[in-house]
Protein backbone atom coordinates (compact mmCIF):
# COMPACT_ATOMS: atom_id res chain seq x y z
CA MET A 1 31.43 -46.91 -217.44
CA ALA A 2 29.54 -43.78 -217.05
CA LYS A 3 28.37 -42.76 -213.68
CA SER A 4 24.76 -41.92 -213.54
CA LYS A 5 23.85 -38.86 -211.56
CA LYS A 6 21.07 -39.29 -209.16
CA LYS A 7 18.77 -36.37 -208.88
CA LYS A 8 18.47 -35.18 -205.31
CA SER A 9 14.94 -34.68 -204.26
CA ARG A 10 13.93 -32.02 -201.82
CA PRO A 11 11.33 -32.70 -199.20
CA VAL A 12 8.04 -31.01 -199.98
CA ALA A 13 6.44 -29.16 -197.09
CA LYS A 14 2.86 -30.14 -197.60
CA PHE A 15 0.83 -32.62 -195.66
CA ARG A 16 2.15 -35.86 -194.33
CA VAL A 17 -0.24 -38.72 -194.47
CA SER A 18 -0.02 -41.29 -191.75
CA SER A 19 -2.22 -44.01 -190.49
CA GLY A 20 -4.12 -41.53 -188.28
CA GLY A 21 -5.01 -39.18 -191.16
CA TRP A 22 -3.20 -36.15 -192.47
CA GLN A 23 -0.92 -34.04 -190.29
CA PRO A 24 0.20 -30.54 -191.19
CA SER A 25 3.91 -29.89 -191.34
CA TYR A 26 5.76 -27.47 -189.08
CA TRP A 27 5.81 -24.73 -191.73
CA MET A 28 2.09 -25.06 -192.31
CA ILE A 29 1.45 -24.45 -188.60
CA VAL A 30 3.77 -21.44 -188.58
CA ALA A 31 1.99 -20.02 -191.65
CA LEU A 32 -1.44 -20.43 -190.02
CA ILE A 33 -0.27 -18.71 -186.83
CA ALA A 34 1.17 -15.84 -188.88
CA ILE A 35 -2.11 -15.46 -190.78
CA PHE A 36 -4.13 -15.34 -187.55
CA PHE A 37 -1.72 -12.83 -186.04
CA ALA A 38 -1.88 -10.59 -189.12
CA GLY A 39 -5.68 -10.81 -189.07
CA GLY A 40 -5.75 -9.77 -185.42
CA VAL A 41 -3.50 -6.80 -186.11
CA LEU A 42 -5.75 -5.76 -189.00
CA VAL A 43 -8.89 -5.99 -186.88
CA LYS A 44 -7.21 -4.01 -184.08
CA ALA A 45 -6.21 -1.28 -186.56
CA LEU A 46 -9.74 -1.05 -187.93
CA VAL A 47 -11.49 -1.04 -184.55
CA SER A 48 -9.13 1.18 -182.52
CA PRO A 49 -9.83 4.92 -182.22
CA ALA A 50 -8.18 7.30 -184.64
CA THR A 51 -6.40 9.28 -181.89
CA PRO A 52 -2.64 8.73 -181.97
CA VAL A 53 -1.21 7.13 -178.86
CA GLY A 54 1.29 9.94 -178.37
CA ALA A 55 -1.48 12.55 -178.32
CA VAL A 56 -3.37 10.68 -175.61
CA ALA A 57 -0.26 10.33 -173.50
CA THR A 58 0.52 14.04 -173.90
CA ALA A 59 -3.03 15.06 -172.95
CA ASN A 60 -2.93 12.79 -169.89
CA GLN A 61 0.45 14.16 -168.87
CA TYR A 62 -0.83 17.72 -169.25
CA ALA A 63 -3.92 17.00 -167.13
CA SER A 64 -1.78 15.27 -164.53
CA ALA A 65 0.62 18.24 -164.40
CA GLN A 66 -2.29 20.66 -163.97
CA SER A 67 -3.77 18.53 -161.20
CA ALA A 68 -0.41 18.34 -159.42
CA ALA A 69 0.02 22.11 -159.68
CA LEU A 70 -3.48 22.69 -158.29
CA GLU A 71 -2.89 20.33 -155.35
CA SER A 72 0.41 22.08 -154.65
CA GLN A 73 -1.44 25.41 -154.45
CA VAL A 74 -4.12 23.87 -152.20
CA ARG A 75 -1.36 22.73 -149.83
CA LEU A 76 0.21 26.21 -149.87
CA VAL A 77 -3.08 27.79 -148.80
CA ALA A 78 -3.92 25.03 -146.30
CA ALA A 79 -0.55 25.48 -144.59
CA ASN A 80 -1.88 28.76 -143.19
CA PHE A 81 -4.80 27.21 -141.30
CA ARG A 82 -5.88 24.69 -138.71
CA CYS A 83 -8.91 22.47 -139.28
CA ALA A 84 -12.10 24.31 -138.31
CA CYS A 85 -14.29 21.29 -137.45
CA GLY A 86 -13.32 21.23 -133.78
CA GLY A 87 -13.48 17.45 -133.58
CA CYS A 88 -9.99 16.55 -134.72
CA GLY A 89 -8.09 18.58 -132.14
CA GLU A 90 -7.47 21.42 -134.57
CA LEU A 91 -4.81 19.65 -136.60
CA PHE A 92 -2.99 21.57 -139.27
CA LEU A 93 -5.26 21.72 -142.31
CA VAL A 94 -2.50 20.40 -144.54
CA ASP A 95 -2.27 17.17 -142.51
CA CYS A 96 -5.92 16.72 -141.50
CA THR A 97 -8.23 14.48 -143.52
CA CYS A 98 -11.39 14.62 -141.38
CA ASP A 99 -14.76 14.52 -143.09
CA MET A 100 -16.68 16.38 -140.40
CA PRO A 101 -18.93 19.34 -141.23
CA ARG A 102 -16.67 22.36 -141.79
CA GLY A 103 -13.79 19.88 -141.68
CA ALA A 104 -10.62 19.48 -143.69
CA LYS A 105 -12.20 17.94 -146.78
CA GLU A 106 -14.79 20.72 -146.99
CA GLU A 107 -12.16 23.41 -146.49
CA LYS A 108 -9.79 21.93 -149.05
CA ASP A 109 -12.65 21.66 -151.56
CA PHE A 110 -13.45 25.33 -150.89
CA ILE A 111 -9.80 26.23 -151.50
CA ARG A 112 -9.64 24.08 -154.66
CA LYS A 113 -12.84 25.62 -156.05
CA ASN A 114 -11.57 29.17 -155.50
CA LEU A 115 -8.21 28.40 -157.08
CA MET A 116 -9.90 26.83 -160.11
CA GLN A 117 -11.99 29.99 -160.53
CA GLY A 118 -8.75 31.92 -161.06
CA SER A 119 -8.18 33.50 -157.66
CA ASN A 120 -4.59 33.91 -156.55
CA ILE A 121 -3.25 32.37 -153.35
CA ASP A 122 -3.52 35.55 -151.25
CA GLU A 123 -7.17 36.06 -152.24
CA VAL A 124 -7.99 32.45 -151.37
CA ILE A 125 -6.27 32.75 -148.00
CA ALA A 126 -8.41 35.81 -147.23
CA ARG A 127 -11.61 33.99 -148.30
CA VAL A 128 -10.81 30.90 -146.21
CA GLU A 129 -10.07 33.08 -143.19
CA GLN A 130 -13.38 34.91 -143.68
CA GLU A 131 -15.38 31.69 -144.18
CA TYR A 132 -13.71 29.30 -141.70
CA GLY A 133 -11.25 31.26 -139.55
CA HIS A 134 -8.56 29.33 -137.60
CA ARG A 135 -5.63 31.01 -139.33
CA ILE A 136 -2.23 30.15 -137.88
């Protein structure tokens, strides 16, 4: 007697029909999710600006470093003075944050403006002393 070979059938990943209607298989759901994801990535690539991310980060880091350097210079100049407003008990200008007329904020803005115009620290100290006085 000859044995007959039965052909093994593989399950087909299409739709399964049940009494409630058709139901997509697991692989169909995964494929749809992948298509939506790829479409989202494509739309993001088309809509996003052309500037590389690294260039933006470098520009932000550079601006941040410049700002930190400027604030460091402002503190160096302010360390030579007391607040000129008269209302805060003449605190050291470095520590004072008063917003009074001729107060710490105004003085620090004056210092910052002069430093941004290219004056060196000694010149700014002389200008602050001439404008506000109260040098330590």
